[in-house]
Amino acid sequence: MKLFVYSYRDFDEGPFFEEYRKEYGVELGICREVPTLENAHLAGGCQYVSILTNPVDRALLQRYRDMGIKMISTRTVGYDHIDLASAKEFGVGVSNATYPSESVAEYTVMCILMALRRMKRILERAAINDFSLKGNMGGVLSGKTVGIVGAGRIGCQVARLLQGFGCRVLAYDLHPRADMEDLLTYVGFEELLCESQVVTLHMPIGEQNTHMIDAAALRKMPKGVVVVNTARGGLIDTKALIAALESGQVGAVAMDVIEGEFDMYYFDRKSDVIDKHDLFILRGFPNVFVTPHMAFYTDLSIRYMVKSSIESCVRDARGEENPWKVL
């Protein structure tokens, strides 16, 4: 089987691609650039393509269809960067990747603690030798009510980790799990917003939940709420969040994702003029810190992302059951 890999990274993915290429007997073609119409021809002769979080639009899907590409495997859990409607129309399959939930869950708890303890301001002041206490007093996680929006694999792992802090954990999910009811309490979305001092998001994104955290939702939260998002940027109406920060309704924010990140994150843009006004506004708040979609980024996750992408394509080629196939 021939697999063409776009956005190939030697420094972290390379060793794992070499390991699993040998294990599964796969012939690899690689390109270190993102997939585009201009470099689509490089995948010629392959039936499978592996990508990262780079937009794959209708035109590119049509080109891949014409080239005989059977399936696109994204080495990510999310697949909202792929035009699924066009993929379905053209008969191009789509699969995603999975990795252990610990990476994002542990990062989420770290974000909650950093937001509560005003860590951004502490680090900034320490860097200029300002070791004073005024303005740096934080809060404790113990005893707080934490609302988990989306109690899937990652959300449930966050709930498990929070037990050690003595939190009351609420969860909103369309598919409650009976085995989690001793660790969290399932409630409606509005009840979660009204009662949670910390709200953390762990949902995939679609048309129905885009901007689910909007101005109305933010008004329902307790004053001074901490909002954490390690899921998808589009779950939050960024302009509404900025307004809520300015009014004091939101006390602190930790974001690993933001709207419109696809052409920015994972690239070196330090010398570029970036048209992300909302991002610069958010980063200017002393009670907000934004990281560049790094919650997943551990050695364990990268291993699993590469493995599941290759195995997904191998299973599809063999006509075997494929747990990663989404289309």
C-alpha atoms as a PDB file:
ATOM      1  CA  MET A   1       0.000   0.000   0.000  1.00  0.00           C
ATOM      2  CA  LYS A   2       1.233   3.513  -0.859  1.00  0.00           C
ATOM      3  CA  LEU A   3       0.565   6.356   1.546  1.00  0.00           C
ATOM      4  CA  PHE A   4       1.495   9.984   0.897  1.00  0.00           C
ATOM      5  CA  VAL A   5       2.138  12.111   3.979  1.00  0.00           C
ATOM      6  CA  TYR A   6       1.731  15.900   3.944  1.00  0.00           C
ATOM      7  CA  SER A   7       2.989  18.215   6.710  1.00  0.00           C
ATOM      8  CA  TYR A   8       5.579  15.577   7.566  1.00  0.00           C
ATOM      9  CA  ARG A   9       7.728  16.568  10.541  1.00  0.00           C
ATOM     10  CA  ASP A  10      11.135  14.951  10.893  1.00  0.00           C
ATOM     11  CA  PHE A  11      11.770  16.200  14.423  1.00  0.00           C
ATOM     12  CA  ASP A  12       8.875  14.417  16.144  1.00  0.00           C
ATOM     13  CA  GLU A  13       6.822  12.284  13.737  1.00  0.00           C
ATOM     14  CA  GLY A  14       9.740  10.959  11.688  1.00  0.00           C
ATOM     15  CA  PRO A  15      10.876   8.129  13.980  1.00  0.00           C
ATOM     16  CA  PHE A  16       7.316   6.901  14.456  1.00  0.00           C
ATOM     17  CA  PHE A  17       6.562   6.950  10.735  1.00  0.00           C
ATOM     18  CA  GLU A  18       9.678   4.883  10.142  1.00  0.00           C
ATOM     19  CA  GLU A  19       8.714   2.425  12.882  1.00  0.00           C
ATOM     20  CA  TYR A  20       5.148   1.875  11.728  1.00  0.00           C
ATOM     21  CA  ARG A  21       6.019   1.990   8.033  1.00  0.00           C
ATOM     22  CA  LYS A  22       8.094  -1.110   8.609  1.00  0.00           C
ATOM     23  CA  GLU A  23       5.561  -2.769  10.911  1.00  0.00           C
ATOM     24  CA  TYR A  24       2.664  -2.411   8.460  1.00  0.00           C
ATOM     25  CA  GLY A  25       4.663  -2.803   5.251  1.00  0.00           C
ATOM     26  CA  VAL A  26       3.655   0.598   3.880  1.00  0.00           C
ATOM     27  CA  GLU A  27       5.445   2.551   1.151  1.00  0.00           C
ATOM     28  CA  LEU A  28       5.628   6.213   2.163  1.00  0.00           C
ATOM     29  CA  GLY A  29       5.886   9.390   0.135  1.00  0.00           C
ATOM     30  CA  ILE A  30       6.467  12.556   2.129  1.00  0.00           C
ATOM     31  CA  CYS A  31       6.054  16.303   1.771  1.00  0.00           C
ATOM     32  CA  ARG A  32       6.895  18.753   4.534  1.00  0.00           C
ATOM     33  CA  GLU A  33       4.455  21.325   3.187  1.00  0.00           C
ATOM     34  CA  VAL A  34       0.701  21.497   3.747  1.00  0.00           C
ATOM     35  CA  PRO A  35      -1.551  19.960   1.068  1.00  0.00           C
ATOM     36  CA  THR A  36      -2.488  22.376  -1.729  1.00  0.00           C
ATOM     37  CA  LEU A  37      -3.679  22.217  -5.308  1.00  0.00           C
ATOM     38  CA  GLU A  38      -0.138  23.057  -6.361  1.00  0.00           C
ATOM     39  CA  ASN A  39       1.429  20.052  -4.633  1.00  0.00           C
ATOM     40  CA  ALA A  40      -1.463  17.604  -4.981  1.00  0.00           C
ATOM     41  CA  HIS A  41       0.347  15.904  -7.869  1.00  0.00           C
ATOM     42  CA  LEU A  42       2.995  14.654  -5.444  1.00  0.00           C
ATOM     43  CA  ALA A  43       0.487  12.086  -4.167  1.00  0.00           C
ATOM     44  CA  GLY A  44       0.158  10.583  -7.646  1.00  0.00           C
ATOM     45  CA  GLY A  45       0.180   6.784  -7.586  1.00  0.00           C
ATOM     46  CA  CYS A  46      -1.036   6.664  -3.990  1.00  0.00           C
ATOM     47  CA  GLN A  47      -4.519   5.733  -2.849  1.00  0.00           C
ATOM     48  CA  TYR A  48      -4.202   7.205   0.629  1.00  0.00           C
ATOM     49  CA  VAL A  49      -3.171  10.610   1.960  1.00  0.00           C
ATOM     50  CA  SER A  50      -2.274  11.591   5.530  1.00  0.00           C
ATOM     51  CA  ILE A  51      -2.611  15.222   6.641  1.00  0.00           C
ATOM     52  CA  LEU A  52      -2.672  17.415   9.743  1.00  0.00           C
ATOM     53  CA  THR A  53      -4.975  20.329  10.630  1.00  0.00           C
ATOM     54  CA  ASN A  54      -4.766  22.026   7.252  1.00  0.00           C
ATOM     55  CA  PRO A  55      -7.909  22.954   5.304  1.00  0.00           C
ATOM     56  CA  VAL A  56      -8.903  20.490   2.597  1.00  0.00           C
ATOM     57  CA  ASP A  57     -11.567  22.207   0.503  1.00  0.00           C
ATOM     58  CA  ARG A  58     -13.817  21.127  -2.322  1.00  0.00           C
ATOM     59  CA  ALA A  59     -11.340  21.888  -5.092  1.00  0.00           C
ATOM     60  CA  LEU A  60      -8.573  19.880  -3.457  1.00  0.00           C
ATOM     61  CA  LEU A  61     -10.911  16.983  -2.752  1.00  0.00           C
ATOM     62  CA  GLN A  62     -11.988  16.930  -6.376  1.00  0.00           C
ATOM     63  CA  ARG A  63      -8.354  16.851  -7.459  1.00  0.00           C
ATOM     64  CA  TYR A  64      -7.635  13.946  -5.123  1.00  0.00           C
ATOM     65  CA  ARG A  65     -10.733  12.122  -6.393  1.00  0.00           C
ATOM     66  CA  ASP A  66      -9.523  12.539  -9.964  1.00  0.00           C
ATOM     67  CA  MET A  67      -6.122  11.171  -8.928  1.00  0.00           C
ATOM     68  CA  GLY A  68      -7.680   8.033  -7.454  1.00  0.00           C
ATOM     69  CA  ILE A  69      -7.231   8.868  -3.779  1.00  0.00           C
ATOM     70  CA  LYS A  70      -9.541   6.588  -1.805  1.00  0.00           C
ATOM     71  CA  MET A  71      -9.233   8.132   1.642  1.00  0.00           C
ATOM     72  CA  ILE A  72      -7.756  11.079   3.512  1.00  0.00           C
ATOM     73  CA  SER A  73      -6.515  10.313   7.016  1.00  0.00           C
ATOM     74  CA  THR A  74      -6.041  13.282   9.313  1.00  0.00           C
ATOM     75  CA  ARG A  75      -3.521  12.687  12.075  1.00  0.00           C
ATOM     76  CA  THR A  76      -5.795  14.553  14.475  1.00  0.00           C
ATOM     77  CA  VAL A  77      -8.902  13.814  16.494  1.00  0.00           C
ATOM     78  CA  GLY A  78     -10.813  16.692  14.915  1.00  0.00           C
ATOM     79  CA  TYR A  79     -11.688  16.685  11.224  1.00  0.00           C
ATOM     80  CA  ASP A  80     -13.598  19.951  10.833  1.00  0.00           C
ATOM     81  CA  HIS A  81     -10.808  21.209   8.536  1.00  0.00           C
ATOM     82  CA  ILE A  82     -12.011  18.802   5.844  1.00  0.00           C
ATOM     83  CA  ASP A  83     -15.031  19.602   3.650  1.00  0.00           C
ATOM     84  CA  LEU A  84     -16.995  16.476   4.536  1.00  0.00           C
ATOM     85  CA  ALA A  85     -19.944  17.245   2.274  1.00  0.00           C
ATOM     86  CA  SER A  86     -17.678  17.438  -0.768  1.00  0.00           C
ATOM     87  CA  ALA A  87     -15.720  14.372   0.330  1.00  0.00           C
ATOM     88  CA  LYS A  88     -18.959  12.408   0.513  1.00  0.00           C
ATOM     89  CA  GLU A  89     -20.076  13.717  -2.887  1.00  0.00           C
ATOM     90  CA  PHE A  90     -16.773  12.727  -4.495  1.00  0.00           C
ATOM     91  CA  GLY A  91     -16.584   9.370  -2.754  1.00  0.00           C
ATOM     92  CA  VAL A  92     -13.363  10.181  -0.894  1.00  0.00           C
ATOM     93  CA  GLY A  93     -13.243   8.566   2.531  1.00  0.00           C
ATOM     94  CA  VAL A  94     -12.143  10.419   5.652  1.00  0.00           C
ATOM     95  CA  SER A  95     -10.639   9.038   8.833  1.00  0.00           C
ATOM     96  CA  ASN A  96      -9.204  10.620  11.950  1.00  0.00           C
ATOM     97  CA  ALA A  97      -6.717   9.590  14.618  1.00  0.00           C
ATOM     98  CA  THR A  98      -6.931   8.910  18.315  1.00  0.00           C
ATOM     99  CA  TYR A  99      -4.541   9.154  21.219  1.00  0.00           C
ATOM    100  CA  PRO A 100      -4.789   8.607  24.972  1.00  0.00           C
ATOM    101  CA  SER A 101      -6.913  11.232  26.691  1.00  0.00           C
ATOM    102  CA  GLU A 102      -4.347  11.919  29.416  1.00  0.00           C
ATOM    103  CA  SER A 103      -2.398  14.468  27.373  1.00  0.00           C
ATOM    104  CA  VAL A 104      -5.258  16.951  26.878  1.00  0.00           C
ATOM    105  CA  ALA A 105      -6.879  16.170  30.231  1.00  0.00           C
ATOM    106  CA  GLU A 106      -3.714  16.876  32.215  1.00  0.00           C
ATOM    107  CA  TYR A 107      -3.086  20.050  30.205  1.00  0.00           C
ATOM    108  CA  THR A 108      -6.647  21.162  30.968  1.00  0.00           C
ATOM    109  CA  VAL A 109      -6.165  20.751  34.707  1.00  0.00           C
ATOM    110  CA  MET A 110      -2.881  22.661  34.413  1.00  0.00           C
ATOM    111  CA  CYS A 111      -4.739  25.481  32.618  1.00  0.00           C
ATOM    112  CA  ILE A 112      -7.406  25.610  35.322  1.00  0.00           C
ATOM    113  CA  LEU A 113      -4.772  25.844  38.052  1.00  0.00           C
ATOM    114  CA  MET A 114      -2.742  28.474  36.183  1.00  0.00           C
ATOM    115  CA  ALA A 115      -5.822  30.608  35.617  1.00  0.00           C
ATOM    116  CA  LEU A 116      -6.918  30.360  39.247  1.00  0.00           C
ATOM    117  CA  ARG A 117      -3.435  31.177  40.550  1.00  0.00           C
ATOM    118  CA  ARG A 118      -2.858  34.145  38.192  1.00  0.00           C
ATOM    119  CA  MET A 119       0.212  32.420  36.833  1.00  0.00           C
ATOM    120  CA  LYS A 120       0.513  34.547  33.702  1.00  0.00           C
ATOM    121  CA  ARG A 121       0.963  37.719  35.728  1.00  0.00           C
ATOM    122  CA  ILE A 122       3.234  36.024  38.285  1.00  0.00           C
ATOM    123  CA  LEU A 123       5.599  34.816  35.549  1.00  0.00           C
ATOM    124  CA  GLU A 124       5.571  38.126  33.693  1.00  0.00           C
ATOM    125  CA  ARG A 125       6.397  40.095  36.832  1.00  0.00           C
ATOM    126  CA  ALA A 126       9.051  37.650  37.981  1.00  0.00           C
ATOM    127  CA  ALA A 127      10.748  37.968  34.583  1.00  0.00           C
ATOM    128  CA  ILE A 128      11.360  41.692  35.261  1.00  0.00           C
ATOM    129  CA  ASN A 129      12.352  41.084  38.906  1.00  0.00           C
ATOM    130  CA  ASP A 130       9.052  42.274  40.331  1.00  0.00           C
ATOM    131  CA  PHE A 131       8.606  39.911  43.269  1.00  0.00           C
ATOM    132  CA  SER A 132       5.872  41.858  45.044  1.00  0.00           C
ATOM    133  CA  LEU A 133       2.669  40.176  46.203  1.00  0.00           C
ATOM    134  CA  LYS A 134       0.014  42.794  45.462  1.00  0.00           C
ATOM    135  CA  GLY A 135      -2.268  41.667  42.628  1.00  0.00           C
ATOM    136  CA  ASN A 136      -0.971  38.094  42.579  1.00  0.00           C
ATOM    137  CA  MET A 137      -3.289  36.474  45.118  1.00  0.00           C
ATOM    138  CA  GLY A 138      -5.014  33.515  43.510  1.00  0.00           C
ATOM    139  CA  GLY A 139      -7.799  31.123  44.336  1.00  0.00           C
ATOM    140  CA  VAL A 140      -7.895  27.409  45.113  1.00  0.00           C
ATOM    141  CA  LEU A 141      -9.455  24.664  43.038  1.00  0.00           C
ATOM    142  CA  SER A 142     -10.491  22.630  46.062  1.00  0.00           C
ATOM    143  CA  GLY A 143     -14.198  22.926  46.759  1.00  0.00           C
ATOM    144  CA  LYS A 144     -15.077  24.632  43.488  1.00  0.00           C
ATOM    145  CA  THR A 145     -17.790  23.498  41.095  1.00  0.00           C
ATOM    146  CA  VAL A 146     -16.309  22.624  37.707  1.00  0.00           C
ATOM    147  CA  GLY A 147     -18.579  22.247  34.691  1.00  0.00           C
ATOM    148  CA  ILE A 148     -17.385  19.957  31.911  1.00  0.00           C
ATOM    149  CA  VAL A 149     -19.063  20.668  28.578  1.00  0.00           C
ATOM    150  CA  GLY A 150     -18.653  17.462  26.624  1.00  0.00           C
ATOM    151  CA  ALA A 151     -17.954  14.397  28.758  1.00  0.00           C
ATOM    152  CA  GLY A 152     -16.369  12.135  26.188  1.00  0.00           C
ATOM    153  CA  ARG A 153     -12.997  10.428  26.618  1.00  0.00           C
ATOM    154  CA  ILE A 154     -11.130  13.613  27.469  1.00  0.00           C
ATOM    155  CA  GLY A 155     -13.908  15.201  29.507  1.00  0.00           C
ATOM    156  CA  CYS A 156     -14.285  12.048  31.592  1.00  0.00           C
ATOM    157  CA  GLN A 157     -10.539  11.917  32.195  1.00  0.00           C
ATOM    158  CA  VAL A 158     -10.652  15.529  33.388  1.00  0.00           C
ATOM    159  CA  ALA A 159     -13.409  14.505  35.819  1.00  0.00           C
ATOM    160  CA  ARG A 160     -11.240  11.683  37.162  1.00  0.00           C
ATOM    161  CA  LEU A 161      -8.282  13.994  37.702  1.00  0.00           C
ATOM    162  CA  LEU A 162     -10.426  16.589  39.448  1.00  0.00           C
ATOM    163  CA  GLN A 163     -11.464  14.101  42.127  1.00  0.00           C
ATOM    164  CA  GLY A 164      -8.075  14.549  43.752  1.00  0.00           C
ATOM    165  CA  PHE A 165      -8.794  18.252  44.198  1.00  0.00           C
ATOM    166  CA  GLY A 166     -12.088  17.795  45.998  1.00  0.00           C
ATOM    167  CA  CYS A 167     -14.201  19.458  43.321  1.00  0.00           C
ATOM    168  CA  ARG A 168     -17.882  19.141  42.652  1.00  0.00           C
ATOM    169  CA  VAL A 169     -18.018  18.121  38.988  1.00  0.00           C
ATOM    170  CA  LEU A 170     -20.980  18.771  36.705  1.00  0.00           C
ATOM    171  CA  ALA A 171     -21.157  17.570  33.114  1.00  0.00           C
ATOM    172  CA  TYR A 172     -23.262  18.266  30.063  1.00  0.00           C
ATOM    173  CA  ASP A 173     -23.232  15.605  27.377  1.00  0.00           C
ATOM    174  CA  LEU A 174     -25.749  14.206  24.907  1.00  0.00           C
ATOM    175  CA  HIS A 175     -24.721  10.650  25.805  1.00  0.00           C
ATOM    176  CA  PRO A 176     -24.376  10.261  29.594  1.00  0.00           C
ATOM    177  CA  ARG A 177     -22.300   7.320  30.800  1.00  0.00           C
ATOM    178  CA  ALA A 178     -23.592   5.265  33.729  1.00  0.00           C
ATOM    179  CA  ASP A 179     -20.037   4.304  34.729  1.00  0.00           C
ATOM    180  CA  MET A 180     -19.171   7.963  35.377  1.00  0.00           C
ATOM    181  CA  GLU A 181     -22.059   8.844  37.666  1.00  0.00           C
ATOM    182  CA  ASP A 182     -19.977   8.306  40.814  1.00  0.00           C
ATOM    183  CA  LEU A 183     -17.472  10.919  39.599  1.00  0.00           C
ATOM    184  CA  LEU A 184     -19.739  13.588  38.128  1.00  0.00           C
ATOM    185  CA  THR A 185     -23.326  14.753  37.947  1.00  0.00           C
ATOM    186  CA  TYR A 186     -24.992  15.111  34.559  1.00  0.00           C
ATOM    187  CA  VAL A 187     -27.060  18.283  34.233  1.00  0.00           C
ATOM    188  CA  GLY A 188     -28.574  20.404  31.509  1.00  0.00           C
ATOM    189  CA  PHE A 189     -26.433  22.970  29.721  1.00  0.00           C
ATOM    190  CA  GLU A 190     -28.084  25.986  31.348  1.00  0.00           C
ATOM    191  CA  GLU A 191     -27.802  24.497  34.845  1.00  0.00           C
ATOM    192  CA  LEU A 192     -24.122  23.815  34.275  1.00  0.00           C
ATOM    193  CA  LEU A 193     -23.523  27.403  33.195  1.00  0.00           C
ATOM    194  CA  CYS A 194     -25.378  28.835  36.179  1.00  0.00           C
ATOM    195  CA  GLU A 195     -23.649  26.717  38.823  1.00  0.00           C
ATOM    196  CA  SER A 196     -20.061  26.296  37.598  1.00  0.00           C
ATOM    197  CA  GLN A 197     -17.241  28.493  38.858  1.00  0.00           C
ATOM    198  CA  VAL A 198     -14.989  26.895  36.256  1.00  0.00           C
ATOM    199  CA  VAL A 199     -16.269  25.908  32.788  1.00  0.00           C
ATOM    200  CA  THR A 200     -14.075  23.715  30.590  1.00  0.00           C
ATOM    201  CA  LEU A 201     -14.922  22.735  27.008  1.00  0.00           C
ATOM    202  CA  HIS A 202     -14.329  19.294  25.494  1.00  0.00           C
ATOM    203  CA  MET A 203     -16.665  18.988  22.526  1.00  0.00           C
ATOM    204  CA  PRO A 204     -16.094  18.534  18.804  1.00  0.00           C
ATOM    205  CA  ILE A 205     -17.498  21.380  16.729  1.00  0.00           C
ATOM    206  CA  GLY A 206     -20.322  21.428  14.224  1.00  0.00           C
ATOM    207  CA  GLU A 207     -23.034  23.735  12.973  1.00  0.00           C
ATOM    208  CA  GLN A 208     -25.232  23.154  16.031  1.00  0.00           C
ATOM    209  CA  ASN A 209     -22.677  24.067  18.681  1.00  0.00           C
ATOM    210  CA  THR A 210     -20.610  26.783  16.987  1.00  0.00           C
ATOM    211  CA  HIS A 211     -20.515  29.741  19.416  1.00  0.00           C
ATOM    212  CA  MET A 212     -22.369  27.741  22.061  1.00  0.00           C
ATOM    213  CA  ILE A 213     -20.537  29.936  24.562  1.00  0.00           C
ATOM    214  CA  ASP A 214     -21.973  33.244  23.402  1.00  0.00           C
ATOM    215  CA  ALA A 215     -22.950  36.468  25.177  1.00  0.00           C
ATOM    216  CA  ALA A 216     -26.122  34.895  26.588  1.00  0.00           C
ATOM    217  CA  ALA A 217     -24.261  31.857  27.907  1.00  0.00           C
ATOM    218  CA  LEU A 218     -21.558  34.008  29.483  1.00  0.00           C
ATOM    219  CA  ARG A 219     -24.172  36.132  31.285  1.00  0.00           C
ATOM    220  CA  LYS A 220     -25.576  32.997  32.916  1.00  0.00           C
ATOM    221  CA  MET A 221     -22.246  32.052  34.471  1.00  0.00           C
ATOM    222  CA  PRO A 222     -21.310  33.225  37.986  1.00  0.00           C
ATOM    223  CA  LYS A 223     -19.429  36.517  38.025  1.00  0.00           C
ATOM    224  CA  GLY A 224     -15.692  35.869  37.966  1.00  0.00           C
ATOM    225  CA  VAL A 225     -16.019  32.480  36.240  1.00  0.00           C
ATOM    226  CA  VAL A 226     -12.919  30.811  34.816  1.00  0.00           C
ATOM    227  CA  VAL A 227     -13.350  29.637  31.195  1.00  0.00           C
ATOM    228  CA  VAL A 228     -11.008  27.011  29.727  1.00  0.00           C
ATOM    229  CA  ASN A 229     -11.027  25.799  26.129  1.00  0.00           C
ATOM    230  CA  THR A 230      -8.738  22.997  24.968  1.00  0.00           C
ATOM    231  CA  ALA A 231     -11.215  21.717  22.368  1.00  0.00           C
ATOM    232  CA  ARG A 232     -12.123  23.911  19.382  1.00  0.00           C
ATOM    233  CA  GLY A 233     -11.901  27.680  19.097  1.00  0.00           C
ATOM    234  CA  GLY A 234     -15.260  28.044  17.360  1.00  0.00           C
ATOM    235  CA  LEU A 235     -17.126  26.815  20.440  1.00  0.00           C
ATOM    236  CA  ILE A 236     -16.684  30.307  21.880  1.00  0.00           C
ATOM    237  CA  ASP A 237     -17.878  33.601  20.403  1.00  0.00           C
ATOM    238  CA  THR A 238     -14.541  35.390  20.811  1.00  0.00           C
ATOM    239  CA  LYS A 239     -15.942  38.921  20.657  1.00  0.00           C
ATOM    240  CA  ALA A 240     -18.527  38.060  23.314  1.00  0.00           C
ATOM    241  CA  LEU A 241     -15.770  36.615  25.488  1.00  0.00           C
ATOM    242  CA  ILE A 242     -13.714  39.801  25.147  1.00  0.00           C
ATOM    243  CA  ALA A 243     -16.721  41.880  26.195  1.00  0.00           C
ATOM    244  CA  ALA A 244     -17.314  39.613  29.203  1.00  0.00           C
ATOM    245  CA  LEU A 245     -13.678  39.991  30.249  1.00  0.00           C
ATOM    246  CA  GLU A 246     -13.874  43.764  29.938  1.00  0.00           C
ATOM    247  CA  SER A 247     -17.010  43.880  32.091  1.00  0.00           C
ATOM    248  CA  GLY A 248     -15.538  41.593  34.750  1.00  0.00           C
ATOM    249  CA  GLN A 249     -18.167  38.913  34.212  1.00  0.00           C
ATOM    250  CA  VAL A 250     -15.386  36.472  33.285  1.00  0.00           C
ATOM    251  CA  GLY A 251     -12.561  36.374  35.818  1.00  0.00           C
ATOM    252  CA  ALA A 252      -9.942  34.431  33.860  1.00  0.00           C
ATOM    253  CA  VAL A 253      -9.508  32.539  30.609  1.00  0.00           C
ATOM    254  CA  ALA A 254      -7.146  29.805  29.471  1.00  0.00           C
ATOM    255  CA  MET A 255      -7.358  29.004  25.754  1.00  0.00           C
ATOM    256  CA  ASP A 256      -5.373  26.456  23.785  1.00  0.00           C
ATOM    257  CA  VAL A 257      -7.496  27.042  20.686  1.00  0.00           C
ATOM    258  CA  ILE A 258      -8.974  30.086  18.980  1.00  0.00           C
ATOM    259  CA  GLU A 259     -11.171  30.851  16.002  1.00  0.00           C
ATOM    260  CA  GLY A 260      -9.332  31.117  12.692  1.00  0.00           C
ATOM    261  CA  GLU A 261      -6.197  29.339  13.848  1.00  0.00           C
ATOM    262  CA  PHE A 262      -5.695  27.035  10.847  1.00  0.00           C
ATOM    263  CA  ASP A 263      -3.374  29.339   8.901  1.00  0.00           C
ATOM    264  CA  MET A 264      -1.368  30.327  11.969  1.00  0.00           C
ATOM    265  CA  TYR A 265      -0.698  27.615  14.510  1.00  0.00           C
ATOM    266  CA  TYR A 266       2.282  25.305  13.904  1.00  0.00           C
ATOM    267  CA  PHE A 267       3.939  27.878  11.635  1.00  0.00           C
ATOM    268  CA  ASP A 268       6.740  30.318  12.421  1.00  0.00           C
ATOM    269  CA  ARG A 269       4.979  33.664  11.971  1.00  0.00           C
ATOM    270  CA  LYS A 270       7.211  35.859  14.141  1.00  0.00           C
ATOM    271  CA  SER A 271       8.183  38.140  11.257  1.00  0.00           C
ATOM    272  CA  ASP A 272       4.701  38.345   9.739  1.00  0.00           C
ATOM    273  CA  VAL A 273       1.925  40.866  10.204  1.00  0.00           C
ATOM    274  CA  ILE A 274      -0.916  38.674  11.452  1.00  0.00           C
ATOM    275  CA  ASP A 275      -4.530  39.760  10.974  1.00  0.00           C
ATOM    276  CA  LYS A 276      -5.833  38.199  14.185  1.00  0.00           C
ATOM    277  CA  HIS A 277      -7.175  41.204  16.034  1.00  0.00           C
ATOM    278  CA  ASP A 278      -9.116  39.232  18.637  1.00  0.00           C
ATOM    279  CA  LEU A 279      -6.072  37.125  19.473  1.00  0.00           C
ATOM    280  CA  PHE A 280      -3.972  40.211  20.210  1.00  0.00           C
ATOM    281  CA  ILE A 281      -6.744  41.688  22.349  1.00  0.00           C
ATOM    282  CA  LEU A 282      -7.034  38.470  24.362  1.00  0.00           C
ATOM    283  CA  ARG A 283      -3.296  38.186  24.866  1.00  0.00           C
ATOM    284  CA  GLY A 284      -3.260  41.727  26.232  1.00  0.00           C
ATOM    285  CA  PHE A 285      -5.414  40.852  29.243  1.00  0.00           C
ATOM    286  CA  PRO A 286      -3.454  40.030  32.406  1.00  0.00           C
ATOM    287  CA  ASN A 287      -5.984  37.327  33.296  1.00  0.00           C
ATOM    288  CA  VAL A 288      -5.911  35.535  29.925  1.00  0.00           C
ATOM    289  CA  PHE A 289      -3.303  33.217  28.507  1.00  0.00           C
ATOM    290  CA  VAL A 290      -3.433  31.638  25.075  1.00  0.00           C
ATOM    291  CA  THR A 291      -1.329  28.683  23.961  1.00  0.00           C
ATOM    292  CA  PRO A 292      -0.975  27.516  20.324  1.00  0.00           C
ATOM    293  CA  HIS A 293      -3.058  24.313  20.285  1.00  0.00           C
ATOM    294  CA  MET A 294      -0.503  22.340  22.279  1.00  0.00           C
ATOM    295  CA  ALA A 295      -2.650  20.388  24.760  1.00  0.00           C
ATOM    296  CA  PHE A 296      -2.272  17.168  22.777  1.00  0.00           C
ATOM    297  CA  TYR A 297       1.456  17.553  22.200  1.00  0.00           C
ATOM    298  CA  THR A 298       3.241  14.760  24.062  1.00  0.00           C
ATOM    299  CA  ASP A 299       5.448  11.942  22.842  1.00  0.00           C
ATOM    300  CA  LEU A 300       2.649   9.478  23.594  1.00  0.00           C
ATOM    301  CA  SER A 301       0.127  11.405  21.520  1.00  0.00           C
ATOM    302  CA  ILE A 302       2.408  11.772  18.495  1.00  0.00           C
ATOM    303  CA  ARG A 303       3.130   8.040  18.524  1.00  0.00           C
ATOM    304  CA  TYR A 304      -0.584   7.208  18.558  1.00  0.00           C
ATOM    305  CA  MET A 305      -1.463   9.823  15.931  1.00  0.00           C
ATOM    306  CA  VAL A 306       1.039   8.387  13.459  1.00  0.00           C
ATOM    307  CA  LYS A 307       0.144   4.794  14.264  1.00  0.00           C
ATOM    308  CA  SER A 308      -3.605   5.250  13.958  1.00  0.00           C
ATOM    309  CA  SER A 309      -3.269   7.199  10.706  1.00  0.00           C
ATOM    310  CA  ILE A 310      -1.197   4.441   9.086  1.00  0.00           C
ATOM    311  CA  GLU A 311      -3.259   1.614  10.525  1.00  0.00           C
ATOM    312  CA  SER A 312      -6.489   3.301   9.433  1.00  0.00           C
ATOM    313  CA  CYS A 313      -5.280   3.377   5.816  1.00  0.00           C
ATOM    314  CA  VAL A 314      -4.033  -0.216   5.989  1.00  0.00           C
ATOM    315  CA  ARG A 315      -7.358  -1.430   7.370  1.00  0.00           C
ATOM    316  CA  ASP A 316      -9.255   0.416   4.654  1.00  0.00           C
ATOM    317  CA  ALA A 317      -7.040  -1.056   1.935  1.00  0.00           C
ATOM    318  CA  ARG A 318      -7.622  -4.553   3.331  1.00  0.00           C
ATOM    319  CA  GLY A 319     -11.372  -4.050   3.657  1.00  0.00           C
ATOM    320  CA  GLU A 320     -11.169  -4.537   7.415  1.00  0.00           C
ATOM    321  CA  GLU A 321     -13.184  -2.816  10.104  1.00  0.00           C
ATOM    322  CA  ASN A 322     -11.803   0.693  10.557  1.00  0.00           C
ATOM    323  CA  PRO A 323     -12.557   2.318  13.947  1.00  0.00           C
ATOM    324  CA  TRP A 324     -11.149   5.669  12.778  1.00  0.00           C
ATOM    325  CA  LYS A 325     -13.273   6.063   9.642  1.00  0.00           C
ATOM    326  CA  VAL A 326     -15.712   8.956   9.896  1.00  0.00           C
ATOM    327  CA  LEU A 327     -16.894   8.967   6.273  1.00  0.00           C
END
